[in-house]
């Protein structure tokens, strides 16, 4: 999913100044907009995908509208050359005034034509969306390059929306959907919220009341995206691995052991998570499936299946486009916490026969073990492309708790090379900045540990960058010099040899 920076020129009622708009669109002696080039450079340097332009400061005139149009055209041209995109928000019109249209019309179509797409203000109606989609097609553009704004900041999945105006059931969608502030799923929760509270609200928002995209609740007034929007897999190359790390946790785990008992969050460490959360297929009692933060194989979370299933249960994990070679295997890391469960790997090398149907899985046995176990399953007899991955669980008797800690698809095991030249580049008391040179080849992220005097290793953090800031460190008893280790971690979560840097207290 593209991540866009936001150029926000606020209304004067919220502190906006029209001079900021004039500054943004000013040109130099060559007729170019210097800030357009700088914005593209910023996006390239920080790795995001372009810009969302929201000009809402009133008081402009036609000259300013013309200058803004020139700025958007130049920004789009420069962004496209870098593989970036530009989205326009339906606020400023071509005459430079701010007048939210709630439609694509003559007042904003020039900006839509200059940009990649447009976020249509919340003032839309069924008729204005219908006419907007038609107008986009007449302009030679896709109607789905229009995003019908849905404001969920206040009420989230309790927001009342005329869904049939955007995504009518049984016929083609009129436009795309543009959610405004879906982080409501976190913000509406009390300060005492837990990670589980957030994911329960998030699943309700994106999946719907049934919490199962394979069986939506037809009486749910909230038409969740999982009901209306088809899956598009990003899992398309081997090796692929996930430890179901959501990017936050109550502790940090490595190989099933706690290496830091400090709560943390870092979305840069988030895995590609299962998209259809949680599609569960069974003829019997459906167990609950959640991200769980009480235990993990690596990172901060695992997938927990809990309940009293009286028939086999198939849990869809990933829609994929993974090639199958002679040496391709799938690894599952899991643990049974309660009850007795037979585990099988579910692999589909063909598409489902119809929309919403179960993937045509082949079931392959998985070795059983005690505690955290990693089972390697050869894909013997399969060829072509893996279109879906899942697991089938068959309980022997009674309630079960079964935990999935990791999945990997690989042809061979590869270990990344170590980073180089670690150093402490700044130190003030217990605040240290560490930096290092990148390891050659593909690296998922780098981990930092402190090697304690008793020989144990304490996890300090991880990053996709080549520097890390540590704060509030203290000498251990009798310790004159602190030792830190940096490792490169590959796609399969294999770690390089450590490189060590020291700091004298």
Protein backbone atom coordinates (compact mmCIF):
# COMPACT_ATOMS: atom_id res chain seq x y z
CA UNK A 1 0.00 0.00 0.00
CA UNK A 2 1.50 3.39 -0.95
CA UNK A 3 2.42 5.74 1.89
CA UNK A 4 2.05 9.43 1.05
CA UNK A 5 3.37 12.51 2.81
CA UNK A 6 0.80 15.23 3.49
CA UNK A 7 1.19 18.82 2.28
CA UNK A 8 -1.43 20.48 4.48
CA UNK A 9 -2.25 24.16 4.08
CA UNK A 10 -4.90 24.59 6.82
CA UNK A 11 -7.91 26.88 6.91
CA UNK A 12 -7.28 30.28 8.47
CA UNK A 13 -9.58 29.27 11.33
CA UNK A 14 -6.96 26.66 12.26
CA UNK A 15 -3.94 28.93 11.90
CA UNK A 16 -3.37 28.69 8.16
CA UNK A 17 -1.73 31.64 6.39
CA UNK A 18 -2.26 32.28 2.69
CA UNK A 19 1.41 33.24 2.37
CA UNK A 20 2.31 29.60 2.97
CA UNK A 21 0.38 28.66 -0.17
CA UNK A 22 2.13 31.40 -2.14
CA UNK A 23 5.49 30.22 -0.83
CA UNK A 24 4.76 26.65 -1.88
CA UNK A 25 3.92 27.48 -5.49
CA UNK A 26 6.45 30.25 -6.16
CA UNK A 27 8.68 29.86 -9.21
CA UNK A 28 12.32 30.78 -9.83
CA UNK A 29 13.85 32.67 -12.74
CA UNK A 30 13.56 29.57 -14.95
CA UNK A 31 9.84 29.22 -14.31
CA UNK A 32 10.21 26.09 -12.17
CA UNK A 33 8.87 25.50 -8.65
CA UNK A 34 11.91 24.82 -6.42
CA UNK A 35 9.82 23.24 -3.67
CA UNK A 36 8.40 20.64 -6.07
CA UNK A 37 11.88 19.22 -6.65
CA UNK A 38 12.68 19.34 -2.94
CA UNK A 39 9.50 17.49 -2.00
CA UNK A 40 10.28 14.71 -4.46
CA UNK A 41 13.80 14.50 -3.03
CA UNK A 42 12.43 14.25 0.51
CA UNK A 43 10.12 11.38 -0.48
CA UNK A 44 12.99 9.58 -2.20
CA UNK A 45 15.34 10.05 0.77
CA UNK A 46 12.85 8.77 3.34
CA UNK A 47 11.37 6.00 1.22
CA UNK A 48 7.72 6.99 0.99
CA UNK A 49 5.66 7.03 -2.17
CA UNK A 50 4.65 10.59 -2.96
CA UNK A 51 2.44 13.40 -1.71
CA UNK A 52 -1.16 14.17 -0.75
CA UNK A 53 -1.76 17.87 -1.53
CA UNK A 54 -4.42 19.49 0.65
CA UNK A 55 -4.73 23.26 0.03
CA UNK A 56 -7.49 24.54 2.33
CA UNK A 57 -6.37 28.09 3.11
CA UNK A 58 -9.02 30.51 1.85
CA UNK A 59 -8.57 33.95 0.33
CA UNK A 60 -6.92 33.00 -2.94
CA UNK A 61 -7.69 34.23 -6.43
CA UNK A 62 -7.46 32.95 -9.99
CA UNK A 63 -3.77 33.81 -10.21
CA UNK A 64 -3.06 31.66 -7.17
CA UNK A 65 -5.22 28.85 -8.55
CA UNK A 66 -3.23 28.96 -11.80
CA UNK A 67 0.05 28.92 -9.87
CA UNK A 68 -1.13 25.94 -7.79
CA UNK A 69 -2.06 24.06 -10.94
CA UNK A 70 1.41 24.68 -12.34
CA UNK A 71 2.95 23.45 -9.09
CA UNK A 72 0.89 20.23 -9.11
CA UNK A 73 1.81 19.54 -12.73
CA UNK A 74 5.51 19.95 -12.01
CA UNK A 75 5.30 17.93 -8.80
CA UNK A 76 3.56 15.12 -10.68
CA UNK A 77 6.12 15.15 -13.51
CA UNK A 78 9.08 14.99 -11.14
CA UNK A 79 7.37 12.43 -8.88
CA UNK A 80 6.55 10.12 -11.77
CA UNK A 81 10.21 10.02 -12.77
CA UNK A 82 10.97 8.66 -9.25
CA UNK A 83 8.09 6.18 -9.21
CA UNK A 84 6.11 8.42 -6.85
CA UNK A 85 2.49 9.60 -7.04
CA UNK A 86 0.48 12.73 -6.27
CA UNK A 87 -3.05 12.82 -4.82
CA UNK A 88 -5.13 16.00 -4.91
CA UNK A 89 -7.70 16.82 -2.23
CA UNK A 90 -10.98 18.38 -3.34
CA UNK A 91 -10.65 21.78 -1.62
CA UNK A 92 -9.04 24.58 -3.69
CA UNK A 93 -10.75 25.25 -7.00
CA UNK A 94 -9.27 26.53 -10.26
CA UNK A 95 -10.18 30.11 -9.31
CA UNK A 96 -7.99 29.88 -6.19
CA UNK A 97 -10.80 29.87 -3.66
CA UNK A 98 -11.52 27.02 -1.26
CA UNK A 99 -14.88 25.46 -2.04
CA UNK A 100 -15.28 21.75 -1.35
CA UNK A 101 -17.20 20.27 -4.27
CA UNK A 102 -17.92 16.72 -3.17
CA UNK A 103 -17.64 15.83 -6.84
CA UNK A 104 -15.41 15.91 -9.89
CA UNK A 105 -16.55 18.89 -11.92
CA UNK A 106 -15.33 21.93 -13.83
CA UNK A 107 -14.09 23.55 -10.60
CA UNK A 108 -11.48 20.88 -9.86
CA UNK A 109 -11.07 18.69 -12.93
CA UNK A 110 -7.86 20.48 -13.97
CA UNK A 111 -6.25 19.47 -10.67
CA UNK A 112 -7.54 15.90 -11.06
CA UNK A 113 -6.03 15.77 -14.56
CA UNK A 114 -2.72 17.09 -13.22
CA UNK A 115 -2.54 14.53 -10.40
CA UNK A 116 -2.66 10.74 -10.22
CA UNK A 117 -5.95 10.70 -8.33
CA UNK A 118 -8.27 12.85 -6.21
CA UNK A 119 -9.82 12.50 -2.76
CA UNK A 120 -13.42 13.69 -3.15
CA UNK A 121 -14.60 15.73 -0.16
CA UNK A 122 -17.19 14.25 2.21
CA UNK A 123 -19.97 16.43 0.77
CA UNK A 124 -20.64 13.89 -1.99
CA UNK A 125 -24.03 12.37 -2.67
CA UNK A 126 -25.10 9.35 -4.70
CA UNK A 127 -25.82 11.57 -7.70
CA UNK A 128 -22.55 13.54 -7.52
CA UNK A 129 -20.50 10.34 -7.23
CA UNK A 130 -22.31 8.83 -10.20
CA UNK A 131 -21.71 11.94 -12.31
CA UNK A 132 -18.08 12.12 -11.09
CA UNK A 133 -17.38 8.56 -12.20
CA UNK A 134 -18.91 9.26 -15.60
CA UNK A 135 -16.91 12.48 -15.96
CA UNK A 136 -13.64 10.72 -15.07
CA UNK A 137 -14.26 8.20 -17.86
CA UNK A 138 -15.09 11.02 -20.29
CA UNK A 139 -11.74 12.62 -19.40
CA UNK A 140 -9.95 9.39 -20.28
CA UNK A 141 -9.32 8.48 -16.65
CA UNK A 142 -10.47 5.64 -14.44
CA UNK A 143 -13.42 6.28 -12.15
CA UNK A 144 -11.41 4.42 -9.50
CA UNK A 145 -8.87 7.24 -9.44
CA UNK A 146 -11.54 9.11 -7.48
CA UNK A 147 -11.66 8.39 -3.76
CA UNK A 148 -15.06 9.04 -2.14
CA UNK A 149 -14.18 10.49 1.25
CA UNK A 150 -15.60 8.70 4.31
CA UNK A 151 -14.91 10.53 7.58
CA UNK A 152 -14.41 7.94 10.32
CA UNK A 153 -12.46 10.12 12.74
CA UNK A 154 -15.27 10.32 15.30
CA UNK A 155 -17.26 7.11 14.98
CA UNK A 156 -15.10 4.58 13.16
CA UNK A 157 -17.01 1.45 12.26
CA UNK A 158 -20.19 3.02 13.70
CA UNK A 159 -20.13 5.73 11.01
CA UNK A 160 -23.29 5.91 8.91
CA UNK A 161 -22.38 5.71 5.21
CA UNK A 162 -24.44 5.45 2.03
CA UNK A 163 -22.45 2.44 0.88
CA UNK A 164 -24.58 1.76 -2.18
CA UNK A 165 -23.50 5.12 -3.58
CA UNK A 166 -19.86 3.93 -3.58
CA UNK A 167 -19.78 0.13 -3.60
CA UNK A 168 -23.26 -1.17 -4.47
CA UNK A 169 -23.79 -4.86 -3.91
CA UNK A 170 -24.11 -6.89 -7.08
CA UNK A 171 -22.80 -4.27 -9.50
CA UNK A 172 -19.59 -2.44 -10.34
CA UNK A 173 -18.24 0.03 -7.81
CA UNK A 174 -18.93 3.67 -8.61
CA UNK A 175 -15.60 5.02 -7.29
CA UNK A 176 -12.93 4.00 -4.82
CA UNK A 177 -13.26 4.57 -1.05
CA UNK A 178 -11.08 7.10 0.79
CA UNK A 179 -11.11 6.69 4.58
CA UNK A 180 -10.25 9.78 6.59
CA UNK A 181 -8.43 8.94 9.83
CA UNK A 182 -9.02 5.21 10.23
CA UNK A 183 -6.59 5.33 13.16
CA UNK A 184 -9.84 5.76 15.09
CA UNK A 185 -9.34 2.06 15.77
CA UNK A 186 -6.63 3.13 18.23
CA UNK A 187 -7.60 6.69 19.16
CA UNK A 188 -11.06 5.91 20.56
CA UNK A 189 -9.67 3.41 23.06
CA UNK A 190 -8.93 4.39 26.68
CA UNK A 191 -5.40 5.11 27.85
CA UNK A 192 -5.36 1.69 29.52
CA UNK A 193 -5.77 -0.03 26.12
CA UNK A 194 -3.86 -3.21 25.36
CA UNK A 195 -2.52 -4.37 21.99
CA UNK A 196 -5.36 -6.88 21.92
CA UNK A 197 -7.94 -4.10 22.37
CA UNK A 198 -6.53 -2.28 19.36
CA UNK A 199 -6.50 -5.32 17.09
CA UNK A 200 -10.07 -6.22 18.07
CA UNK A 201 -11.22 -2.75 17.00
CA UNK A 202 -9.03 -2.84 13.90
CA UNK A 203 -10.39 -6.21 12.80
CA UNK A 204 -13.94 -4.97 13.36
CA UNK A 205 -13.23 -1.94 11.15
CA UNK A 206 -11.51 -3.70 8.26
CA UNK A 207 -13.19 -7.13 8.36
CA UNK A 208 -16.71 -6.47 9.68
CA UNK A 209 -18.89 -7.68 12.51
CA UNK A 210 -18.44 -11.36 11.67
CA UNK A 211 -14.64 -10.98 12.05
CA UNK A 212 -14.38 -13.43 9.15
CA UNK A 213 -14.15 -12.15 5.55
CA UNK A 214 -15.13 -15.60 4.23
CA UNK A 215 -18.48 -15.31 6.03
CA UNK A 216 -19.58 -11.67 6.30
CA UNK A 217 -22.60 -10.65 8.38
CA UNK A 218 -25.20 -9.44 5.89
CA UNK A 219 -27.00 -7.44 8.59
CA UNK A 220 -23.92 -5.41 9.51
CA UNK A 221 -24.55 -1.72 8.63
CA UNK A 222 -20.79 -1.18 8.38
CA UNK A 223 -19.70 -2.47 4.94
CA UNK A 224 -16.12 -3.33 5.81
CA UNK A 225 -13.44 -3.21 3.10
CA UNK A 226 -12.95 -6.98 3.31
CA UNK A 227 -16.52 -7.36 2.02
CA UNK A 228 -16.06 -5.03 -0.96
CA UNK A 229 -12.41 -4.99 -1.97
CA UNK A 230 -10.61 -7.94 -3.56
CA UNK A 231 -7.32 -9.20 -2.16
CA UNK A 232 -4.11 -8.18 -3.88
CA UNK A 233 -1.13 -10.18 -2.67
CA UNK A 234 2.29 -8.65 -2.13
CA UNK A 235 3.82 -12.07 -1.41
CA UNK A 236 5.33 -12.80 -4.79
CA UNK A 237 8.97 -13.86 -4.36
CA UNK A 238 10.90 -16.62 -2.60
CA UNK A 239 12.22 -16.48 0.06
CA UNK A 240 9.27 -15.19 2.04
CA UNK A 241 8.96 -15.30 5.81
CA UNK A 242 6.73 -13.90 8.54
CA UNK A 243 6.78 -14.20 12.31
CA UNK A 244 3.44 -12.34 12.49
CA UNK A 245 5.11 -9.33 14.02
CA UNK A 246 2.56 -6.52 14.18
CA UNK A 247 5.17 -3.83 14.86
CA UNK A 248 4.50 -3.56 18.61
CA UNK A 249 4.57 -5.78 21.65
CA UNK A 250 4.73 -6.13 25.40
CA UNK A 251 8.07 -7.93 25.25
CA UNK A 252 10.64 -8.97 22.62
CA UNK A 253 11.12 -12.66 21.87
CA UNK A 254 13.87 -14.53 20.06
CA UNK A 255 13.53 -18.28 19.43
CA UNK A 256 10.65 -18.32 21.89
CA UNK A 257 12.65 -16.73 24.71
CA UNK A 258 12.13 -13.26 26.19
CA UNK A 259 15.22 -11.13 25.47
CA UNK A 260 13.62 -7.87 26.61
CA UNK A 261 10.66 -7.40 28.93
CA UNK A 262 10.14 -3.80 27.85
CA UNK A 263 7.05 -2.85 25.82
CA UNK A 264 7.97 -1.50 22.39
CA UNK A 265 6.57 -0.27 19.08
CA UNK A 266 8.24 0.21 15.70
CA UNK A 267 6.11 -0.17 12.59
CA UNK A 268 9.28 -0.46 10.52
CA UNK A 269 9.62 -3.98 11.96
CA UNK A 270 6.11 -5.09 11.04
CA UNK A 271 5.82 -8.22 8.89
CA UNK A 272 3.58 -8.62 5.89
CA UNK A 273 0.59 -9.79 7.88
CA UNK A 274 -2.24 -12.10 6.74
CA UNK A 275 -4.58 -9.95 4.67
CA UNK A 276 -7.87 -11.81 5.23
CA UNK A 277 -8.08 -11.68 9.01
CA UNK A 278 -9.41 -14.12 9.89
CA UNK A 279 -10.86 -16.42 7.24
CA UNK A 280 -11.74 -19.66 9.06
CA UNK A 281 -13.41 -22.54 7.19
CA UNK A 282 -15.09 -25.32 9.15
CA UNK A 283 -18.32 -27.34 9.21
CA UNK A 284 -18.28 -27.22 12.99
CA UNK A 285 -17.63 -24.78 15.82
CA UNK A 286 -15.48 -21.84 14.80
CA UNK A 287 -12.54 -21.09 17.10
CA UNK A 288 -11.38 -17.54 17.75
CA UNK A 289 -8.25 -16.38 15.94
CA UNK A 290 -6.28 -13.35 17.13
CA UNK A 291 -2.87 -11.78 17.24
CA UNK A 292 -1.65 -12.59 20.73
CA UNK A 293 1.00 -10.72 22.72
CA UNK A 294 1.38 -13.05 25.69
CA UNK A 295 3.94 -15.18 23.83
CA UNK A 296 5.78 -15.23 20.53
CA UNK A 297 8.48 -17.06 18.63
CA UNK A 298 10.15 -13.88 17.47
CA UNK A 299 9.28 -10.20 17.80
CA UNK A 300 6.22 -9.35 19.86
CA UNK A 301 3.24 -11.42 18.70
CA UNK A 302 1.99 -14.73 17.40
CA UNK A 303 -1.28 -16.06 15.98
CA UNK A 304 -3.43 -17.76 18.62
CA UNK A 305 -6.22 -20.20 17.73
CA UNK A 306 -8.43 -20.97 20.73
CA UNK A 307 -11.72 -22.80 21.17
CA UNK A 308 -13.38 -26.19 21.13
CA UNK A 309 -13.50 -27.13 17.43
CA UNK A 310 -15.48 -30.29 16.82
CA UNK A 311 -14.57 -30.53 13.12
CA UNK A 312 -11.38 -29.81 11.17
CA UNK A 313 -10.63 -26.09 10.89
CA UNK A 314 -8.82 -24.48 7.93
CA UNK A 315 -7.25 -21.08 8.60
CA UNK A 316 -6.37 -19.04 5.51
CA UNK A 317 -3.10 -17.21 6.07
CA UNK A 318 -1.75 -15.65 2.86
CA UNK A 319 -2.82 -15.13 -0.70
CA UNK A 320 0.46 -15.47 -2.61
CA UNK A 321 2.13 -15.66 -6.01
CA UNK A 322 5.11 -17.83 -5.11
CA UNK A 323 6.90 -20.03 -7.65
CA UNK A 324 7.42 -23.68 -6.70
CA UNK A 325 10.84 -25.16 -7.51
CA UNK A 326 12.35 -28.59 -6.98
CA UNK A 327 13.82 -27.53 -3.63
CA UNK A 328 10.97 -25.38 -2.35
CA UNK A 329 9.88 -26.09 1.22
CA UNK A 330 7.57 -24.43 3.73
CA UNK A 331 8.57 -24.09 7.36
CA UNK A 332 6.02 -23.73 10.16
CA UNK A 333 6.98 -22.79 13.71
CA UNK A 334 4.19 -23.49 16.18
CA UNK A 335 3.30 -24.62 19.68
CA UNK A 336 0.31 -26.37 21.22
CA UNK A 337 -0.50 -24.76 24.58
CA UNK A 338 -3.60 -26.80 25.44
CA UNK A 339 -5.35 -29.87 24.08
CA UNK A 340 -4.17 -32.11 21.28
CA UNK A 341 -4.04 -30.88 17.68
CA UNK A 342 -3.10 -32.53 14.40
CA UNK A 343 -1.51 -29.92 12.14
CA UNK A 344 -1.40 -29.92 8.33
CA UNK A 345 0.01 -27.36 5.95
CA UNK A 346 -2.57 -26.13 3.39
CA UNK A 347 -1.13 -25.22 -0.03
CA UNK A 348 -3.16 -24.17 -3.09
CA UNK A 349 -1.50 -24.17 -6.52
CA UNK A 350 -4.65 -22.94 -8.29
CA UNK A 351 -7.10 -20.09 -7.85
CA UNK A 352 -10.48 -20.64 -6.12
CA UNK A 353 -13.26 -21.60 -8.49
CA UNK A 354 -15.28 -18.46 -7.67
CA UNK A 355 -15.06 -15.27 -5.65
CA UNK A 356 -15.18 -16.03 -1.94
CA UNK A 357 -14.74 -19.77 -2.43
CA UNK A 358 -12.16 -21.72 -0.47
CA UNK A 359 -8.77 -22.14 -2.14
CA UNK A 360 -8.33 -25.66 -3.61
CA UNK A 361 -5.89 -26.74 -0.93
CA UNK A 362 -3.61 -29.75 -0.84
CA UNK A 363 -2.97 -30.81 2.76
CA UNK A 364 0.52 -31.91 3.79
CA UNK A 365 1.34 -33.44 7.19
CA UNK A 366 3.38 -31.45 9.70
CA UNK A 367 5.68 -33.11 12.23
CA UNK A 368 4.53 -32.84 15.82
CA UNK A 369 6.77 -31.69 18.66
CA UNK A 370 6.84 -30.41 22.22
CA UNK A 371 7.15 -26.71 22.98
CA UNK A 372 8.01 -24.44 20.10
CA UNK A 373 8.67 -26.68 17.08
CA UNK A 374 9.77 -25.90 13.54
CA UNK A 375 8.64 -28.37 10.91
CA UNK A 376 10.02 -28.32 7.36
CA UNK A 377 7.47 -29.50 4.78
CA UNK A 378 8.71 -30.36 1.26
CA UNK A 379 6.25 -29.50 -1.50
CA UNK A 380 6.72 -32.89 -3.12
CA UNK A 381 4.49 -33.41 -6.12
CA UNK A 382 3.44 -29.75 -6.36
CA UNK A 383 4.50 -27.39 -9.13
CA UNK A 384 3.59 -24.08 -10.69
CA UNK A 385 2.62 -21.23 -8.37
CA UNK A 386 1.46 -21.18 -4.75
CA UNK A 387 -1.73 -19.11 -4.73
CA UNK A 388 -2.64 -19.54 -1.07
CA UNK A 389 -1.14 -20.79 2.19
CA UNK A 390 -2.92 -21.87 5.34
CA UNK A 391 -3.11 -24.53 8.03
CA UNK A 392 -5.65 -27.24 8.83
CA UNK A 393 -6.11 -28.08 12.51
CA UNK A 394 -7.92 -31.18 13.76
CA UNK A 395 -8.49 -31.36 17.51
CA UNK A 396 -8.56 -34.78 19.19
CA UNK A 397 -10.79 -33.85 22.09
CA UNK A 398 -11.65 -30.89 24.26
CA UNK A 399 -10.66 -27.23 24.06
CA UNK A 400 -7.41 -26.29 22.38
CA UNK A 401 -4.99 -23.39 22.30
CA UNK A 402 -2.64 -23.50 19.35
CA UNK A 403 -0.08 -20.85 18.52
CA UNK A 404 1.59 -20.12 15.16
CA UNK A 405 4.90 -18.32 15.56
CA UNK A 406 6.32 -18.24 12.05
CA UNK A 407 6.03 -19.31 8.44
CA UNK A 408 8.67 -19.34 5.71
CA UNK A 409 8.80 -20.40 2.07
CA UNK A 410 12.29 -20.99 0.74
CA UNK A 411 14.46 -22.91 -1.66
CA UNK A 412 17.60 -22.73 0.46
CA UNK A 413 18.77 -21.19 3.72
CA UNK A 414 20.81 -18.02 3.39
CA UNK A 415 22.57 -16.06 6.11
CA UNK A 416 23.33 -12.36 5.64
CA UNK A 417 26.81 -10.93 5.92
CA UNK A 418 27.65 -8.86 8.97
CA UNK A 419 27.53 -5.07 9.06
CA UNK A 420 30.83 -3.25 9.43
CA UNK A 421 32.50 -0.43 11.35
CA UNK A 422 30.15 -0.08 14.31
CA UNK A 423 30.87 2.95 16.45
CA UNK A 424 29.43 5.19 19.14
CA UNK A 425 29.05 8.51 17.35
CA UNK A 426 27.66 10.50 20.29
CA UNK A 427 27.36 9.95 24.04
CA UNK A 428 25.82 12.00 26.83
CA UNK A 429 25.57 10.12 30.10
CA UNK A 430 23.46 7.08 29.38
CA UNK A 431 22.31 8.33 25.98
CA UNK A 432 24.27 6.83 23.09
CA UNK A 433 24.04 7.04 19.32
CA UNK A 434 25.37 3.98 17.47
CA UNK A 435 26.05 3.81 13.74
CA UNK A 436 27.48 1.21 11.36
CA UNK A 437 28.07 0.50 7.70
CA UNK A 438 25.45 -1.50 5.83
CA UNK A 439 25.84 -5.21 5.35
CA UNK A 440 26.11 -6.22 1.69
CA UNK A 441 23.09 -7.86 0.09
CA UNK A 442 19.46 -7.98 1.17
CA UNK A 443 18.82 -7.13 4.83
CA UNK A 444 15.42 -7.15 6.56
CA UNK A 445 16.68 -5.10 9.52
CA UNK A 446 19.49 -4.84 12.07
CA UNK A 447 19.22 -5.88 15.73
CA UNK A 448 21.08 -4.41 18.67
CA UNK A 449 21.87 -6.30 21.86
CA UNK A 450 23.83 -5.49 24.97
CA UNK A 451 26.22 -8.18 26.13
CA UNK A 452 26.00 -8.19 29.94
CA UNK A 453 28.85 -9.08 32.32
CA UNK A 454 27.21 -12.44 33.15
CA UNK A 455 27.29 -13.42 29.46
CA UNK A 456 23.59 -12.94 28.73
CA UNK A 457 22.35 -10.83 25.82
CA UNK A 458 19.65 -8.19 26.26
CA UNK A 459 17.71 -6.97 23.22
CA UNK A 460 17.84 -3.17 22.86
CA UNK A 461 16.10 -2.52 19.56
CA UNK A 462 15.99 -3.09 15.82
CA UNK A 463 15.92 -0.83 12.78
CA UNK A 464 16.00 -0.88 9.01
CA UNK A 465 18.44 2.05 9.11
CA UNK A 466 22.16 2.22 9.88
CA UNK A 467 21.99 4.11 13.16
CA UNK A 468 20.16 3.79 16.46
CA UNK A 469 19.72 6.05 19.47
CA UNK A 470 19.76 4.44 22.93
CA UNK A 471 18.60 6.37 25.96
CA UNK A 472 18.72 5.92 29.72
CA UNK A 473 21.42 3.25 29.81
CA UNK A 474 23.18 2.55 33.11
CA UNK A 475 26.33 0.59 34.00
CA UNK A 476 25.73 -2.87 35.36
CA UNK A 477 27.24 -3.60 38.76
CA UNK A 478 31.03 -3.66 38.45
CA UNK A 479 30.90 -2.82 34.74
CA UNK A 480 33.47 -0.31 33.47
CA UNK A 481 32.78 -0.83 29.75
CA UNK A 482 29.48 -1.62 28.05
CA UNK A 483 29.52 -3.98 25.06
CA UNK A 484 27.00 -3.80 22.25
CA UNK A 485 26.41 -6.20 19.36
CA UNK A 486 24.91 -5.38 15.97
CA UNK A 487 23.63 -8.09 13.61
CA UNK A 488 22.08 -8.07 10.16
CA UNK A 489 18.85 -10.08 9.85
CA UNK A 490 17.79 -11.56 6.51
CA UNK A 491 14.38 -12.29 5.00
CA UNK A 492 14.30 -15.74 6.63
CA UNK A 493 15.15 -14.20 10.01
CA UNK A 494 18.61 -15.72 9.94
CA UNK A 495 21.17 -13.49 11.65
CA UNK A 496 24.69 -12.58 10.68
CA UNK A 497 27.67 -12.90 12.96
CA UNK A 498 27.76 -10.01 15.41
CA UNK A 499 29.99 -6.97 15.22
CA UNK A 500 30.83 -5.43 18.56
CA UNK A 501 31.30 -1.87 19.79
CA UNK A 502 32.18 -0.81 23.31
CA UNK A 503 31.55 2.26 25.43
CA UNK A 504 33.53 3.13 28.55
CA UNK A 505 31.37 4.61 31.29
